[in-house]
């Protein structure tokens, strides 16, 4: 498969700039992989496709306010920092993206907040846009994190909307987010409401949690036509023994296992036994899934409608079948489905 095969006629008006009023009332396209049949439903209708002892695997990563605005010492030049990854808790070391990167050099000090609540020193150049910062903070770690939260902004992708609004603090987060560490939301999980999860529980549908801390690499553009030459950035994953057992029991007993989102698919396919069972895992993955690919764990999945030539679209096409998924996207455009992070969803069975 080539990069150009994942292009489609995308126009900006397809992109959802705001979430639906209620999480579980976005539209849901349901696709049968075997027949290619397409149904048009509302997301809360997803319960109709699952039975007692079926399992939904959810990503419980929590987005933190990763975008900071500050000024460079002496010149006062305005700079934007995007926190990517905490490297060392004790030394307050972070990998970050800097904009504009060309103005920042090793040794520069950066000031954040009206009263310079946080000060950081640039100690390394990691990439053309990336830097390693050491925050110079004398208080406790808890006080340091509180300062980051006070100054940080919800890291809503710029391609959704240039300006973050109060609604984003809640809606750019799943209701089951507990494990802090993501710089982007696992979007398929945004459609679940407390009421819908309760209805699924009453019906006997089980949920299993894992953690994949979504990084910016998840959204890095693919710039090679030959997909075998694209490298995914590593992201941290944790799959507990309890989650593995819930999923494997369902597989052994012939029940449906549904991956909620591409991040879940990447996590579970990164830790599979030779017999196709899910293994507990604690580490990092840079797994890149595209056609052709044989999935081992899930037999259904939920996904949003992703942008052209994105790694997420490639994974969904690998799962649903290239022709089936690209046809579904054509139908979605005709039917005016909403695309992107705050957009509508598809269920592939």
Protein backbone atom coordinates (compact mmCIF):
# COMPACT_ATOMS: atom_id res chain seq x y z
CA UNK A 1 0.00 0.00 0.00
CA UNK A 2 1.12 3.53 -0.81
CA UNK A 3 0.46 6.81 0.99
CA UNK A 4 -1.50 8.24 -1.95
CA UNK A 5 -4.04 5.40 -1.67
CA UNK A 6 -5.27 6.91 1.62
CA UNK A 7 -6.17 10.28 0.16
CA UNK A 8 -9.79 11.30 -0.32
CA UNK A 9 -11.73 14.42 -1.19
CA UNK A 10 -11.52 16.20 2.16
CA UNK A 11 -12.78 19.77 2.57
CA UNK A 12 -12.53 21.87 5.78
CA UNK A 13 -16.31 22.01 6.21
CA UNK A 14 -16.27 18.27 7.04
CA UNK A 15 -14.29 18.94 10.23
CA UNK A 16 -16.22 19.16 13.51
CA UNK A 17 -15.12 22.27 15.39
CA UNK A 18 -17.27 21.51 18.45
CA UNK A 19 -18.55 18.31 20.09
CA UNK A 20 -22.22 17.33 20.02
CA UNK A 21 -24.29 18.63 22.94
CA UNK A 22 -24.44 15.14 24.47
CA UNK A 23 -21.50 12.76 24.16
CA UNK A 24 -23.50 9.72 23.10
CA UNK A 25 -25.65 11.52 20.50
CA UNK A 26 -23.13 11.88 17.70
CA UNK A 27 -23.94 9.88 14.59
CA UNK A 28 -22.75 6.28 14.25
CA UNK A 29 -22.07 4.55 10.97
CA UNK A 30 -22.20 0.75 11.38
CA UNK A 31 -20.29 -1.33 8.84
CA UNK A 32 -20.49 -5.09 8.35
CA UNK A 33 -17.07 -6.23 7.11
CA UNK A 34 -18.40 -9.42 5.55
CA UNK A 35 -21.22 -7.90 3.48
CA UNK A 36 -20.17 -4.25 3.22
CA UNK A 37 -23.63 -3.24 4.47
CA UNK A 38 -23.82 0.22 6.05
CA UNK A 39 -26.33 1.40 8.66
CA UNK A 40 -26.81 4.95 9.99
CA UNK A 41 -27.50 5.17 13.72
CA UNK A 42 -26.89 7.37 16.80
CA UNK A 43 -23.90 6.47 18.97
CA UNK A 44 -25.95 5.38 21.99
CA UNK A 45 -27.50 2.71 19.71
CA UNK A 46 -24.15 0.89 19.88
CA UNK A 47 -25.63 -1.12 22.75
CA UNK A 48 -27.85 -2.93 20.21
CA UNK A 49 -24.80 -4.64 18.69
CA UNK A 50 -23.41 -6.17 21.88
CA UNK A 51 -24.56 -8.93 24.21
CA UNK A 52 -23.85 -10.17 27.72
CA UNK A 53 -20.17 -11.08 28.28
CA UNK A 54 -18.99 -9.19 25.21
CA UNK A 55 -16.03 -6.92 26.04
CA UNK A 56 -15.20 -3.33 25.13
CA UNK A 57 -11.56 -2.32 25.61
CA UNK A 58 -11.14 1.36 26.58
CA UNK A 59 -8.08 3.60 26.83
CA UNK A 60 -8.12 5.38 30.21
CA UNK A 61 -5.27 7.80 29.46
CA UNK A 62 -5.85 11.35 30.69
CA UNK A 63 -4.90 14.47 28.75
CA UNK A 64 -2.95 17.05 30.71
CA UNK A 65 -2.80 20.80 29.90
CA UNK A 66 0.32 20.51 27.79
CA UNK A 67 0.44 23.89 26.05
CA UNK A 68 2.27 26.76 27.80
CA UNK A 69 2.87 30.35 26.71
CA UNK A 70 5.91 32.28 27.91
CA UNK A 71 8.69 34.70 27.07
CA UNK A 72 12.37 34.41 26.32
CA UNK A 73 14.86 36.12 28.64
CA UNK A 74 16.29 39.54 27.61
CA UNK A 75 14.32 39.88 24.36
CA UNK A 76 10.92 39.04 25.84
CA UNK A 77 10.03 37.25 22.62
CA UNK A 78 6.80 35.29 22.93
CA UNK A 79 7.19 31.52 22.72
CA UNK A 80 4.84 28.55 22.88
CA UNK A 81 5.87 25.31 24.58
CA UNK A 82 4.15 21.99 24.05
CA UNK A 83 5.03 19.50 26.79
CA UNK A 84 5.58 16.08 25.26
CA UNK A 85 7.10 13.80 27.85
CA UNK A 86 8.40 13.98 31.40
CA UNK A 87 11.96 12.62 31.32
CA UNK A 88 12.98 12.92 34.96
CA UNK A 89 10.62 13.71 37.83
CA UNK A 90 13.27 14.77 40.35
CA UNK A 91 15.20 17.01 37.94
CA UNK A 92 12.02 18.46 36.34
CA UNK A 93 13.26 17.47 32.87
CA UNK A 94 10.80 17.52 29.95
CA UNK A 95 10.90 16.91 26.23
CA UNK A 96 8.99 19.74 24.55
CA UNK A 97 8.19 21.28 21.20
CA UNK A 98 9.00 24.98 20.87
CA UNK A 99 7.43 27.53 18.53
CA UNK A 100 9.16 29.46 17.05
CA UNK A 101 12.02 26.98 17.45
CA UNK A 102 14.60 29.07 15.58
CA UNK A 103 14.75 31.64 18.40
CA UNK A 104 15.61 29.20 21.17
CA UNK A 105 19.16 28.05 21.94
CA UNK A 106 20.79 25.89 24.60
CA UNK A 107 21.26 27.95 27.74
CA UNK A 108 18.30 30.27 27.11
CA UNK A 109 15.93 30.83 30.01
CA UNK A 110 12.17 30.90 29.44
CA UNK A 111 9.65 32.55 31.77
CA UNK A 112 6.01 31.49 32.22
CA UNK A 113 3.21 33.31 34.05
CA UNK A 114 2.70 36.97 34.94
CA UNK A 115 4.86 36.64 38.04
CA UNK A 116 7.34 34.23 36.42
CA UNK A 117 5.72 31.37 38.30
CA UNK A 118 7.81 28.93 36.26
CA UNK A 119 11.27 29.36 34.82
CA UNK A 120 12.87 26.83 32.49
CA UNK A 121 16.34 26.47 31.04
CA UNK A 122 16.99 24.93 27.63
CA UNK A 123 19.56 22.17 28.10
CA UNK A 124 19.40 20.23 24.82
CA UNK A 125 18.27 20.39 21.20
CA UNK A 126 16.57 17.08 20.42
CA UNK A 127 15.01 17.74 16.98
CA UNK A 128 14.52 20.66 14.61
CA UNK A 129 11.52 21.81 16.68
CA UNK A 130 12.14 19.88 19.90
CA UNK A 131 14.09 20.82 23.01
CA UNK A 132 14.76 19.43 26.47
CA UNK A 133 13.91 21.84 29.29
CA UNK A 134 14.84 21.81 32.95
CA UNK A 135 12.28 23.66 35.03
CA UNK A 136 13.99 25.62 37.82
CA UNK A 137 11.49 25.15 40.64
CA UNK A 138 12.32 25.00 44.36
CA UNK A 139 8.99 23.70 45.67
CA UNK A 140 7.72 20.14 45.99
CA UNK A 141 6.82 18.04 42.98
CA UNK A 142 3.12 18.48 43.80
CA UNK A 143 3.57 22.28 43.82
CA UNK A 144 5.42 22.07 40.51
CA UNK A 145 2.62 20.05 38.90
CA UNK A 146 0.07 22.52 40.31
CA UNK A 147 1.98 25.35 38.63
CA UNK A 148 1.97 23.48 35.31
CA UNK A 149 -1.78 22.99 35.60
CA UNK A 150 -2.35 26.64 36.48
CA UNK A 151 -0.44 27.89 33.46
CA UNK A 152 -1.16 25.09 30.99
CA UNK A 153 -3.88 25.07 28.36
CA UNK A 154 -5.90 22.14 27.00
CA UNK A 155 -3.84 20.94 24.00
CA UNK A 156 -6.68 21.01 21.47
CA UNK A 157 -5.20 20.39 18.00
CA UNK A 158 -4.89 23.62 16.01
CA UNK A 159 -6.56 22.07 13.00
CA UNK A 160 -9.82 21.80 14.98
CA UNK A 161 -9.94 25.35 16.23
CA UNK A 162 -7.29 28.01 16.76
CA UNK A 163 -8.60 29.08 20.16
CA UNK A 164 -9.32 26.82 23.12
CA UNK A 165 -12.68 27.43 24.83
CA UNK A 166 -13.99 26.46 28.31
CA UNK A 167 -15.93 23.49 26.90
CA UNK A 168 -12.69 21.84 25.80
CA UNK A 169 -11.39 21.29 29.34
CA UNK A 170 -14.18 18.74 29.88
CA UNK A 171 -15.02 17.47 26.41
CA UNK A 172 -11.44 16.91 25.20
CA UNK A 173 -11.25 14.15 27.82
CA UNK A 174 -13.03 10.81 28.14
CA UNK A 175 -15.25 10.32 31.19
CA UNK A 176 -13.12 7.31 32.22
CA UNK A 177 -9.75 9.13 31.98
CA UNK A 178 -7.72 8.38 35.12
CA UNK A 179 -4.07 7.88 34.08
CA UNK A 180 -2.44 11.21 33.29
CA UNK A 181 0.09 11.34 30.50
CA UNK A 182 -1.50 12.02 27.09
CA UNK A 183 -1.08 15.14 24.97
CA UNK A 184 -4.04 14.17 22.79
CA UNK A 185 -7.35 12.50 23.55
CA UNK A 186 -8.21 8.94 22.43
CA UNK A 187 -11.07 10.25 20.34
CA UNK A 188 -13.25 7.15 19.93
CA UNK A 189 -13.73 7.09 23.71
CA UNK A 190 -15.13 10.63 23.76
CA UNK A 191 -18.56 9.32 22.67
CA UNK A 192 -19.21 7.37 25.87
CA UNK A 193 -21.43 8.97 28.50
CA UNK A 194 -21.94 7.78 32.08
CA UNK A 195 -25.49 6.82 31.16
CA UNK A 196 -24.37 4.73 28.18
CA UNK A 197 -21.69 2.95 30.20
CA UNK A 198 -24.29 2.15 32.87
CA UNK A 199 -26.70 0.74 30.26
CA UNK A 200 -23.90 -1.44 28.85
CA UNK A 201 -23.08 -2.66 32.37
CA UNK A 202 -26.74 -3.53 33.04
CA UNK A 203 -26.85 -5.49 29.78
CA UNK A 204 -23.79 -7.44 30.92
CA UNK A 205 -21.28 -5.98 28.47
CA UNK A 206 -17.89 -5.87 30.20
CA UNK A 207 -15.32 -3.10 29.94
CA UNK A 208 -11.57 -3.61 30.19
CA UNK A 209 -9.18 -0.71 30.69
CA UNK A 210 -5.69 -0.24 29.30
CA UNK A 211 -3.46 2.81 29.05
CA UNK A 212 -1.74 4.18 25.98
CA UNK A 213 -0.49 7.71 26.50
CA UNK A 214 -1.23 9.35 23.18
CA UNK A 215 1.69 11.42 21.93
CA UNK A 216 2.03 13.90 19.10
CA UNK A 217 3.56 11.12 17.01
CA UNK A 218 0.04 9.78 16.65
CA UNK A 219 -0.64 12.82 14.46
CA UNK A 220 2.70 13.15 12.73
CA UNK A 221 2.20 13.44 8.99
CA UNK A 222 3.42 10.58 6.85
CA UNK A 223 5.83 12.03 4.29
CA UNK A 224 6.95 8.88 2.47
CA UNK A 225 4.98 7.20 -0.32
CA UNK A 226 6.35 3.80 0.68
CA UNK A 227 4.60 3.12 4.01
CA UNK A 228 7.19 0.55 5.08
CA UNK A 229 9.61 3.45 5.52
CA UNK A 230 7.44 5.43 7.96
CA UNK A 231 8.43 5.24 11.64
CA UNK A 232 5.91 5.83 14.41
CA UNK A 233 6.97 7.68 17.57
CA UNK A 234 7.02 5.51 20.68
CA UNK A 235 4.13 5.78 23.13
CA UNK A 236 3.88 4.36 26.64
CA UNK A 237 1.52 1.41 27.19
CA UNK A 238 0.22 -0.45 30.23
CA UNK A 239 -2.00 -3.55 29.97
CA UNK A 240 -2.80 -5.14 33.33
CA UNK A 241 -3.18 -8.85 34.06
CA UNK A 242 -6.83 -8.19 34.90
CA UNK A 243 -7.50 -6.63 31.48
CA UNK A 244 -5.71 -9.46 29.68
CA UNK A 245 -7.77 -12.03 31.58
CA UNK A 246 -11.11 -10.28 30.84
CA UNK A 247 -10.28 -10.08 27.13
CA UNK A 248 -8.91 -13.62 26.86
CA UNK A 249 -11.87 -15.13 28.69
CA UNK A 250 -14.23 -13.48 26.21
CA UNK A 251 -12.15 -14.78 23.30
CA UNK A 252 -12.08 -18.32 24.68
CA UNK A 253 -15.84 -18.31 25.21
CA UNK A 254 -16.59 -16.91 21.77
CA UNK A 255 -17.82 -13.47 22.82
CA UNK A 256 -17.25 -10.26 20.90
CA UNK A 257 -14.17 -8.14 21.73
CA UNK A 258 -14.38 -4.51 20.61
CA UNK A 259 -11.40 -2.13 20.52
CA UNK A 260 -12.55 1.42 21.23
CA UNK A 261 -10.26 3.41 18.99
CA UNK A 262 -7.01 3.10 17.08
CA UNK A 263 -4.92 3.66 20.23
CA UNK A 264 -6.49 0.55 21.80
CA UNK A 265 -5.85 -1.46 18.63
CA UNK A 266 -2.20 -0.44 18.58
CA UNK A 267 -1.81 -1.25 22.27
CA UNK A 268 -3.35 -4.72 22.15
CA UNK A 269 -1.63 -5.68 18.89
CA UNK A 270 1.68 -4.76 20.53
CA UNK A 271 1.33 -7.54 23.11
CA UNK A 272 -0.06 -10.73 21.60
CA UNK A 273 0.87 -14.35 22.33
CA UNK A 274 1.60 -16.82 19.53
CA UNK A 275 -1.89 -18.19 20.16
CA UNK A 276 -3.49 -14.81 19.50
CA UNK A 277 -4.21 -14.01 23.14
CA UNK A 278 -3.59 -10.69 24.88
CA UNK A 279 -0.58 -10.54 27.20
CA UNK A 280 -0.02 -8.10 30.11
CA UNK A 281 2.42 -5.39 29.06
CA UNK A 282 4.26 -2.45 30.56
CA UNK A 283 6.51 -0.59 28.16
CA UNK A 284 6.55 1.33 24.90
CA UNK A 285 5.20 0.70 21.42
CA UNK A 286 5.91 2.22 18.03
CA UNK A 287 3.71 -0.23 16.16
CA UNK A 288 2.50 1.03 12.79
CA UNK A 289 -0.46 -0.89 11.34
CA UNK A 290 -1.48 -0.65 7.69
CA UNK A 291 -2.79 -3.00 4.97
CA UNK A 292 -2.31 -5.90 4.81
CA UNK A 293 -2.40 -6.85 8.50
CA UNK A 294 -3.88 -9.78 10.42
CA UNK A 295 -5.46 -8.63 13.69
CA UNK A 296 -5.25 -11.08 16.60
CA UNK A 297 -7.31 -9.74 19.50
CA UNK A 298 -10.36 -7.62 18.62
CA UNK A 299 -13.09 -8.67 16.19
CA UNK A 300 -14.80 -5.27 16.12
CA UNK A 301 -13.76 -1.66 16.66
CA UNK A 302 -15.02 1.89 17.05
CA UNK A 303 -13.29 4.76 15.32
CA UNK A 304 -13.86 8.40 14.44
CA UNK A 305 -13.56 9.59 10.84
CA UNK A 306 -9.90 10.44 10.39
CA UNK A 307 -8.07 12.87 8.15
CA UNK A 308 -6.64 11.86 4.74
CA UNK A 309 -3.31 10.01 4.72
CA UNK A 310 -3.29 9.69 8.53
CA UNK A 311 -1.89 6.65 10.32
CA UNK A 312 -5.27 6.26 12.05
CA UNK A 313 -7.08 5.92 8.71
CA UNK A 314 -4.49 3.35 7.61
CA UNK A 315 -5.15 1.23 10.70
CA UNK A 316 -8.93 1.44 10.29
CA UNK A 317 -8.63 0.43 6.62
CA UNK A 318 -6.44 -2.53 7.62
CA UNK A 319 -9.13 -3.68 10.07
CA UNK A 320 -12.25 -3.03 8.04
CA UNK A 321 -10.80 -3.80 4.63
CA UNK A 322 -9.34 -1.10 2.38
CA UNK A 323 -12.15 -0.99 -0.19
CA UNK A 324 -14.89 -1.25 2.45
CA UNK A 325 -13.51 1.57 4.59
CA UNK A 326 -12.68 3.94 1.72
CA UNK A 327 -16.20 3.40 0.37
CA UNK A 328 -17.60 4.13 3.86
CA UNK A 329 -15.67 7.41 3.91
CA UNK A 330 -17.20 8.31 0.52
CA UNK A 331 -20.66 7.60 1.94
CA UNK A 332 -19.83 9.60 5.10
CA UNK A 333 -18.98 12.64 2.98
CA UNK A 334 -22.21 12.28 0.99
CA UNK A 335 -24.23 11.89 4.19
CA UNK A 336 -22.48 14.87 5.81
CA UNK A 337 -20.95 13.01 8.75
CA UNK A 338 -18.68 15.11 10.96
CA UNK A 339 -14.98 14.29 10.76
CA UNK A 340 -12.08 14.55 13.20
CA UNK A 341 -11.64 14.55 16.96
CA UNK A 342 -15.05 16.04 17.81
CA UNK A 343 -16.76 14.29 14.91
CA UNK A 344 -18.98 11.24 14.45
CA UNK A 345 -18.06 7.59 14.84
CA UNK A 346 -18.08 4.32 12.96
CA UNK A 347 -18.52 0.82 14.34
CA UNK A 348 -16.89 -1.94 12.28
CA UNK A 349 -18.25 -5.43 12.92
